[in-house]
Amino acid sequence: MRPPSIIWFERLFLGAVAVGLVNSAMVFDQLREIPGAQPLGPGFLIGSIAIGVVINLALWFFIARRASNGARWVLVVLFLFGAVSLIFSVSMGSYPSGTAGLLGAFGWLLQAAAVTMLFRRDAAAWFRGTRDDDLGETFE
């Protein structure tokens, strides 16, 4: 049985992915207007979004369903890279305003909460393959 922290990770992380998809759909036309994106066409943009979703779902699967410690650390590195990118875009004044900015911030907060769940005591024991309670297999 998966520990509560992993179940919460799953909920928060998949929620963040869903928020990201909604945000991408809402700003799709604006993304197409970025000068560098025009020669590549909308197919490239859709493909980029799809690849991002596939990577996120793969990380979710290996973390939440297979207890992969390696996937956990890959997610942490990607999250930290995203945090640095967020700080940079806010400091440069290029962070989107309005609904897109709010959804982006909300998605980032969901991700932060999800990553935090991966380092709680019950989750850490689960990644190690040990349990920190004495119930063992009783309820599984």
N, C-alpha and C. Protein backbone atom coordinates (compact mmCIF):
# COMPACT_ATOMS: atom_id res chain seq x y z
N MET A 1 0.84 -1.18 0.00
CA MET A 1 0.00 0.00 0.00
C MET A 1 0.89 1.24 0.00
N ARG A 2 0.50 2.22 -0.79
CA ARG A 2 1.28 3.44 -0.88
C ARG A 2 1.01 4.34 0.32
N PRO A 3 2.04 5.02 0.80
CA PRO A 3 1.85 5.90 1.96
C PRO A 3 1.03 7.14 1.59
N PRO A 4 0.43 7.77 2.60
CA PRO A 4 -0.38 8.97 2.34
C PRO A 4 0.37 10.08 1.61
N SER A 5 1.64 10.27 1.91
CA SER A 5 2.40 11.32 1.24
C SER A 5 2.50 11.08 -0.26
N ILE A 6 2.62 9.84 -0.66
CA ILE A 6 2.71 9.52 -2.09
C ILE A 6 1.34 9.73 -2.76
N ILE A 7 0.29 9.40 -2.05
CA ILE A 7 -1.05 9.63 -2.60
C ILE A 7 -1.28 11.14 -2.78
N TRP A 8 -0.84 11.93 -1.80
CA TRP A 8 -0.97 13.39 -1.93
C TRP A 8 -0.07 13.92 -3.04
N PHE A 9 1.14 13.37 -3.15
CA PHE A 9 2.00 13.76 -4.27
C PHE A 9 1.27 13.56 -5.59
N GLU A 10 0.67 12.40 -5.73
CA GLU A 10 -0.02 12.06 -6.97
C GLU A 10 -1.13 13.07 -7.28
N ARG A 11 -1.93 13.37 -6.31
CA ARG A 11 -3.03 14.32 -6.50
C ARG A 11 -2.52 15.71 -6.87
N LEU A 12 -1.55 16.18 -6.11
CA LEU A 12 -1.01 17.52 -6.35
C LEU A 12 -0.29 17.62 -7.68
N PHE A 13 0.51 16.61 -7.99
CA PHE A 13 1.30 16.64 -9.22
C PHE A 13 0.40 16.55 -10.46
N LEU A 14 -0.55 15.62 -10.44
CA LEU A 14 -1.47 15.51 -11.58
C LEU A 14 -2.33 16.76 -11.70
N GLY A 15 -2.67 17.38 -10.57
CA GLY A 15 -3.38 18.66 -10.61
C GLY A 15 -2.54 19.74 -11.28
N ALA A 16 -1.24 19.76 -10.97
CA ALA A 16 -0.35 20.74 -11.59
C ALA A 16 -0.24 20.51 -13.09
N VAL A 17 -0.19 19.25 -13.50
CA VAL A 17 -0.15 18.94 -14.94
C VAL A 17 -1.43 19.42 -15.62
N ALA A 18 -2.57 19.18 -14.97
CA ALA A 18 -3.85 19.62 -15.54
C ALA A 18 -3.92 21.14 -15.64
N VAL A 19 -3.47 21.83 -14.61
CA VAL A 19 -3.46 23.30 -14.64
C VAL A 19 -2.56 23.79 -15.77
N GLY A 20 -1.42 23.14 -15.95
CA GLY A 20 -0.52 23.50 -17.04
C GLY A 20 -1.15 23.32 -18.40
N LEU A 21 -1.91 22.23 -18.57
CA LEU A 21 -2.59 22.00 -19.84
C LEU A 21 -3.67 23.05 -20.10
N VAL A 22 -4.43 23.38 -19.07
CA VAL A 22 -5.46 24.42 -19.21
C VAL A 22 -4.80 25.75 -19.57
N ASN A 23 -3.72 26.07 -18.89
CA ASN A 23 -3.01 27.32 -19.16
C ASN A 23 -2.47 27.34 -20.59
N SER A 24 -1.90 26.22 -21.03
CA SER A 24 -1.38 26.15 -22.41
C SER A 24 -2.50 26.35 -23.43
N ALA A 25 -3.64 25.75 -23.17
CA ALA A 25 -4.77 25.91 -24.09
C ALA A 25 -5.26 27.36 -24.12
N MET A 26 -5.24 28.00 -22.96
CA MET A 26 -5.73 29.38 -22.89
C MET A 26 -4.82 30.36 -23.62
N VAL A 27 -3.52 30.10 -23.60
CA VAL A 27 -2.56 31.05 -24.19
C VAL A 27 -1.98 30.53 -25.51
N PHE A 28 -2.60 29.51 -26.08
CA PHE A 28 -2.05 28.90 -27.29
C PHE A 28 -1.86 29.91 -28.42
N ASP A 29 -2.85 30.75 -28.64
CA ASP A 29 -2.74 31.75 -29.71
C ASP A 29 -1.62 32.75 -29.44
N GLN A 30 -1.44 33.12 -28.18
CA GLN A 30 -0.35 34.03 -27.83
C GLN A 30 1.00 33.36 -28.04
N LEU A 31 1.09 32.07 -27.73
CA LEU A 31 2.35 31.35 -27.93
C LEU A 31 2.69 31.26 -29.42
N ARG A 32 1.68 31.13 -30.25
CA ARG A 32 1.92 31.06 -31.70
C ARG A 32 2.45 32.37 -32.25
N GLU A 33 2.18 33.47 -31.56
CA GLU A 33 2.61 34.80 -32.04
C GLU A 33 4.05 35.13 -31.66
N ILE A 34 4.69 34.30 -30.85
CA ILE A 34 6.08 34.54 -30.48
C ILE A 34 6.90 34.45 -31.77
N PRO A 35 7.74 35.46 -32.04
CA PRO A 35 8.44 35.51 -33.32
C PRO A 35 9.20 34.22 -33.69
N GLY A 36 9.87 33.61 -32.78
CA GLY A 36 10.62 32.40 -33.09
C GLY A 36 9.75 31.19 -33.36
N ALA A 37 8.50 31.22 -32.94
CA ALA A 37 7.61 30.07 -33.11
C ALA A 37 6.90 30.06 -34.45
N GLN A 38 6.82 31.20 -35.11
CA GLN A 38 6.06 31.29 -36.36
C GLN A 38 6.59 30.39 -37.47
N PRO A 39 7.90 30.34 -37.72
CA PRO A 39 8.36 29.47 -38.81
C PRO A 39 8.15 27.98 -38.52
N LEU A 40 8.10 27.62 -37.27
CA LEU A 40 7.96 26.21 -36.90
C LEU A 40 6.52 25.73 -37.01
N GLY A 41 5.58 26.62 -36.91
CA GLY A 41 4.17 26.26 -37.05
C GLY A 41 3.55 25.75 -35.77
N PRO A 42 2.21 25.65 -35.77
CA PRO A 42 1.50 25.21 -34.57
C PRO A 42 1.75 23.74 -34.23
N GLY A 43 2.09 22.93 -35.22
CA GLY A 43 2.37 21.52 -34.94
C GLY A 43 3.54 21.34 -34.00
N PHE A 44 4.56 22.17 -34.18
CA PHE A 44 5.72 22.09 -33.29
C PHE A 44 5.33 22.47 -31.87
N LEU A 45 4.51 23.49 -31.74
CA LEU A 45 4.05 23.94 -30.42
C LEU A 45 3.22 22.86 -29.74
N ILE A 46 2.31 22.26 -30.49
CA ILE A 46 1.49 21.17 -29.93
C ILE A 46 2.37 19.99 -29.55
N GLY A 47 3.34 19.66 -30.40
CA GLY A 47 4.27 18.57 -30.10
C GLY A 47 5.09 18.84 -28.86
N SER A 48 5.53 20.08 -28.68
CA SER A 48 6.30 20.45 -27.49
C SER A 48 5.47 20.29 -26.23
N ILE A 49 4.23 20.72 -26.29
CA ILE A 49 3.33 20.57 -25.13
C ILE A 49 3.10 19.09 -24.85
N ALA A 50 2.88 18.30 -25.90
CA ALA A 50 2.64 16.87 -25.72
C ALA A 50 3.85 16.17 -25.12
N ILE A 51 5.05 16.52 -25.57
CA ILE A 51 6.27 15.91 -25.02
C ILE A 51 6.40 16.27 -23.54
N GLY A 52 6.11 17.51 -23.19
CA GLY A 52 6.15 17.91 -21.79
C GLY A 52 5.18 17.12 -20.93
N VAL A 53 3.98 16.89 -21.45
CA VAL A 53 2.98 16.11 -20.71
C VAL A 53 3.45 14.66 -20.57
N VAL A 54 3.99 14.09 -21.63
CA VAL A 54 4.46 12.70 -21.57
C VAL A 54 5.59 12.56 -20.55
N ILE A 55 6.52 13.50 -20.52
CA ILE A 55 7.61 13.45 -19.54
C ILE A 55 7.04 13.53 -18.13
N ASN A 56 6.10 14.45 -17.91
CA ASN A 56 5.50 14.57 -16.58
C ASN A 56 4.75 13.31 -16.17
N LEU A 57 4.01 12.71 -17.10
CA LEU A 57 3.27 11.49 -16.77
C LEU A 57 4.22 10.32 -16.52
N ALA A 58 5.32 10.27 -17.24
CA ALA A 58 6.31 9.21 -16.99
C ALA A 58 6.92 9.38 -15.60
N LEU A 59 7.27 10.61 -15.24
CA LEU A 59 7.81 10.85 -13.90
C LEU A 59 6.78 10.49 -12.84
N TRP A 60 5.53 10.90 -13.04
CA TRP A 60 4.47 10.54 -12.09
C TRP A 60 4.39 9.02 -11.93
N PHE A 61 4.37 8.29 -13.04
CA PHE A 61 4.23 6.84 -12.98
C PHE A 61 5.39 6.20 -12.21
N PHE A 62 6.61 6.58 -12.55
CA PHE A 62 7.76 5.95 -11.90
C PHE A 62 7.91 6.37 -10.44
N ILE A 63 7.46 7.56 -10.09
CA ILE A 63 7.52 8.00 -8.69
C ILE A 63 6.37 7.41 -7.89
N ALA A 64 5.15 7.61 -8.34
CA ALA A 64 3.97 7.26 -7.55
C ALA A 64 3.60 5.79 -7.63
N ARG A 65 4.00 5.11 -8.69
CA ARG A 65 3.59 3.71 -8.85
C ARG A 65 4.73 2.71 -8.75
N ARG A 66 5.96 3.17 -8.98
CA ARG A 66 7.11 2.26 -8.95
C ARG A 66 8.15 2.61 -7.90
N ALA A 67 7.92 3.65 -7.12
CA ALA A 67 8.82 4.06 -6.04
C ALA A 67 10.25 4.26 -6.54
N SER A 68 10.40 4.88 -7.70
CA SER A 68 11.72 5.10 -8.28
C SER A 68 12.37 6.33 -7.66
N ASN A 69 13.44 6.09 -6.92
CA ASN A 69 14.18 7.18 -6.29
C ASN A 69 14.86 8.03 -7.36
N GLY A 70 15.33 7.41 -8.43
CA GLY A 70 15.95 8.16 -9.52
C GLY A 70 14.98 9.14 -10.16
N ALA A 71 13.75 8.69 -10.40
CA ALA A 71 12.73 9.57 -10.98
C ALA A 71 12.40 10.71 -10.01
N ARG A 72 12.42 10.41 -8.72
CA ARG A 72 12.17 11.46 -7.73
C ARG A 72 13.20 12.57 -7.86
N TRP A 73 14.47 12.20 -8.00
CA TRP A 73 15.53 13.20 -8.10
C TRP A 73 15.52 13.93 -9.44
N VAL A 74 15.13 13.24 -10.50
CA VAL A 74 14.98 13.92 -11.80
C VAL A 74 13.90 15.00 -11.67
N LEU A 75 12.79 14.67 -11.02
CA LEU A 75 11.73 15.65 -10.82
C LEU A 75 12.21 16.82 -9.98
N VAL A 76 12.98 16.55 -8.94
CA VAL A 76 13.49 17.63 -8.09
C VAL A 76 14.38 18.57 -8.90
N VAL A 77 15.26 18.01 -9.72
CA VAL A 77 16.14 18.85 -10.55
C VAL A 77 15.32 19.69 -11.53
N LEU A 78 14.34 19.08 -12.18
CA LEU A 78 13.49 19.83 -13.11
C LEU A 78 12.69 20.91 -12.39
N PHE A 79 12.21 20.59 -11.19
CA PHE A 79 11.47 21.58 -10.41
C PHE A 79 12.36 22.76 -10.04
N LEU A 80 13.58 22.48 -9.61
CA LEU A 80 14.51 23.56 -9.24
C LEU A 80 14.86 24.41 -10.46
N PHE A 81 15.05 23.77 -11.60
CA PHE A 81 15.30 24.51 -12.83
C PHE A 81 14.11 25.43 -13.14
N GLY A 82 12.91 24.92 -12.97
CA GLY A 82 11.70 25.72 -13.18
C GLY A 82 11.60 26.87 -12.20
N ALA A 83 12.02 26.64 -10.95
CA ALA A 83 11.98 27.70 -9.94
C ALA A 83 12.94 28.83 -10.31
N VAL A 84 14.15 28.46 -10.75
CA VAL A 84 15.12 29.47 -11.17
C VAL A 84 14.59 30.23 -12.38
N SER A 85 13.99 29.52 -13.31
CA SER A 85 13.41 30.15 -14.50
C SER A 85 12.28 31.11 -14.12
N LEU A 86 11.46 30.69 -13.16
CA LEU A 86 10.36 31.55 -12.69
C LEU A 86 10.91 32.83 -12.07
N ILE A 87 11.91 32.69 -11.20
CA ILE A 87 12.51 33.86 -10.55
C ILE A 87 13.11 34.80 -11.61
N PHE A 88 13.79 34.22 -12.58
CA PHE A 88 14.40 35.02 -13.64
C PHE A 88 13.34 35.77 -14.45
N SER A 89 12.27 35.08 -14.84
CA SER A 89 11.25 35.74 -15.66
C SER A 89 10.51 36.83 -14.88
N VAL A 90 10.29 36.61 -13.59
CA VAL A 90 9.66 37.66 -12.77
C VAL A 90 10.59 38.86 -12.64
N SER A 91 11.88 38.59 -12.39
CA SER A 91 12.82 39.70 -12.21
C SER A 91 13.06 40.48 -13.51
N MET A 92 12.91 39.82 -14.65
CA MET A 92 13.11 40.50 -15.94
C MET A 92 11.82 41.15 -16.45
N GLY A 93 10.71 40.93 -15.75
CA GLY A 93 9.44 41.51 -16.15
C GLY A 93 8.78 40.78 -17.31
N SER A 94 9.20 39.55 -17.57
CA SER A 94 8.63 38.81 -18.69
C SER A 94 7.61 37.76 -18.26
N TYR A 95 7.31 37.71 -16.96
CA TYR A 95 6.32 36.75 -16.48
C TYR A 95 4.94 37.22 -16.94
N PRO A 96 4.12 36.30 -17.45
CA PRO A 96 2.81 36.72 -17.98
C PRO A 96 1.91 37.31 -16.89
N SER A 97 1.10 38.25 -17.31
CA SER A 97 0.15 38.86 -16.37
C SER A 97 -1.22 38.23 -16.58
N GLY A 98 -2.15 38.63 -15.76
CA GLY A 98 -3.53 38.16 -15.91
C GLY A 98 -3.72 36.71 -15.52
N THR A 99 -4.70 36.09 -16.15
CA THR A 99 -5.08 34.72 -15.82
C THR A 99 -3.94 33.74 -16.07
N ALA A 100 -3.19 33.95 -17.15
CA ALA A 100 -2.08 33.05 -17.47
C ALA A 100 -1.03 33.07 -16.35
N GLY A 101 -0.74 34.25 -15.84
CA GLY A 101 0.22 34.36 -14.75
C GLY A 101 -0.28 33.72 -13.47
N LEU A 102 -1.56 33.94 -13.17
CA LEU A 102 -2.15 33.34 -11.97
C LEU A 102 -2.17 31.82 -12.06
N LEU A 103 -2.58 31.30 -13.22
CA LEU A 103 -2.59 29.84 -13.39
C LEU A 103 -1.18 29.27 -13.32
N GLY A 104 -0.22 29.98 -13.91
CA GLY A 104 1.17 29.53 -13.84
C GLY A 104 1.67 29.48 -12.40
N ALA A 105 1.37 30.51 -11.63
CA ALA A 105 1.78 30.54 -10.23
C ALA A 105 1.09 29.44 -9.43
N PHE A 106 -0.20 29.24 -9.69
CA PHE A 106 -0.95 28.19 -8.99
C PHE A 106 -0.37 26.81 -9.32
N GLY A 107 -0.07 26.58 -10.59
CA GLY A 107 0.53 25.31 -11.00
C GLY A 107 1.88 25.10 -10.34
N TRP A 108 2.67 26.17 -10.24
CA TRP A 108 3.98 26.06 -9.60
C TRP A 108 3.83 25.74 -8.11
N LEU A 109 2.87 26.36 -7.45
CA LEU A 109 2.63 26.06 -6.03
C LEU A 109 2.18 24.62 -5.84
N LEU A 110 1.35 24.11 -6.75
CA LEU A 110 0.96 22.70 -6.68
C LEU A 110 2.18 21.79 -6.83
N GLN A 111 3.06 22.13 -7.77
CA GLN A 111 4.28 21.34 -7.95
C GLN A 111 5.16 21.40 -6.70
N ALA A 112 5.29 22.58 -6.12
CA ALA A 112 6.11 22.72 -4.91
C ALA A 112 5.56 21.84 -3.79
N ALA A 113 4.25 21.86 -3.61
CA ALA A 113 3.64 21.01 -2.58
C ALA A 113 3.84 19.54 -2.90
N ALA A 114 3.72 19.18 -4.18
CA ALA A 114 3.90 17.78 -4.58
C ALA A 114 5.32 17.31 -4.31
N VAL A 115 6.31 18.11 -4.68
CA VAL A 115 7.71 17.74 -4.45
C VAL A 115 7.98 17.62 -2.95
N THR A 116 7.40 18.50 -2.16
CA THR A 116 7.57 18.44 -0.71
C THR A 116 7.07 17.11 -0.15
N MET A 117 5.98 16.60 -0.69
CA MET A 117 5.42 15.32 -0.23
C MET A 117 6.41 14.17 -0.42
N LEU A 118 7.30 14.29 -1.39
CA LEU A 118 8.25 13.21 -1.68
C LEU A 118 9.33 13.07 -0.62
N PHE A 119 9.43 14.03 0.28
CA PHE A 119 10.49 14.00 1.29
C PHE A 119 9.95 13.87 2.71
N ARG A 120 8.68 13.58 2.83
CA ARG A 120 8.13 13.30 4.15
C ARG A 120 8.60 11.92 4.59
N ARG A 121 8.52 11.66 5.87
CA ARG A 121 9.09 10.44 6.43
C ARG A 121 8.50 9.17 5.83
N ASP A 122 7.19 9.12 5.66
CA ASP A 122 6.59 7.91 5.11
C ASP A 122 6.98 7.70 3.65
N ALA A 123 7.12 8.78 2.90
CA ALA A 123 7.53 8.66 1.49
C ALA A 123 9.00 8.24 1.39
N ALA A 124 9.85 8.81 2.24
CA ALA A 124 11.27 8.44 2.21
C ALA A 124 11.45 6.96 2.52
N ALA A 125 10.70 6.46 3.48
CA ALA A 125 10.77 5.03 3.81
C ALA A 125 10.27 4.18 2.65
N TRP A 126 9.26 4.65 1.98
CA TRP A 126 8.71 3.92 0.84
C TRP A 126 9.73 3.84 -0.30
N PHE A 127 10.43 4.94 -0.56
CA PHE A 127 11.46 4.94 -1.61
C PHE A 127 12.62 4.01 -1.24
N ARG A 128 12.92 3.92 0.06
CA ARG A 128 13.98 3.00 0.50
C ARG A 128 13.52 1.56 0.50
N GLY A 129 12.22 1.34 0.40
CA GLY A 129 11.70 -0.02 0.44
C GLY A 129 11.48 -0.52 1.85
N THR A 130 11.47 0.42 2.81
CA THR A 130 11.23 0.05 4.21
C THR A 130 9.96 0.74 4.69
N ARG A 131 9.54 0.35 5.85
CA ARG A 131 8.35 0.96 6.46
C ARG A 131 8.76 1.56 7.79
N ASP A 132 8.11 2.65 8.15
CA ASP A 132 8.42 3.24 9.44
C ASP A 132 7.31 2.97 10.46
N ASP A 133 6.45 2.01 10.15
CA ASP A 133 5.46 1.59 11.13
C ASP A 133 5.60 0.08 11.31
N ASP A 134 4.90 -0.47 12.28
CA ASP A 134 5.02 -1.90 12.51
C ASP A 134 3.79 -2.67 12.03
N LEU A 135 3.00 -2.05 11.16
CA LEU A 135 1.83 -2.74 10.64
C LEU A 135 2.19 -3.75 9.56
N GLY A 136 3.34 -3.54 8.93
CA GLY A 136 3.78 -4.47 7.90
C GLY A 136 2.75 -4.65 6.81
N GLU A 137 2.39 -5.88 6.56
CA GLU A 137 1.47 -6.22 5.47
C GLU A 137 0.02 -6.31 5.95
N THR A 138 -0.27 -5.91 7.15
CA THR A 138 -1.58 -6.11 7.72
C THR A 138 -2.71 -5.56 6.86
N PHE A 139 -2.55 -4.36 6.39
CA PHE A 139 -3.64 -3.72 5.66
C PHE A 139 -3.43 -3.68 4.16
N GLU A 140 -2.49 -4.43 3.65
CA GLU A 140 -2.24 -4.42 2.21
C GLU A 140 -2.91 -5.58 1.52
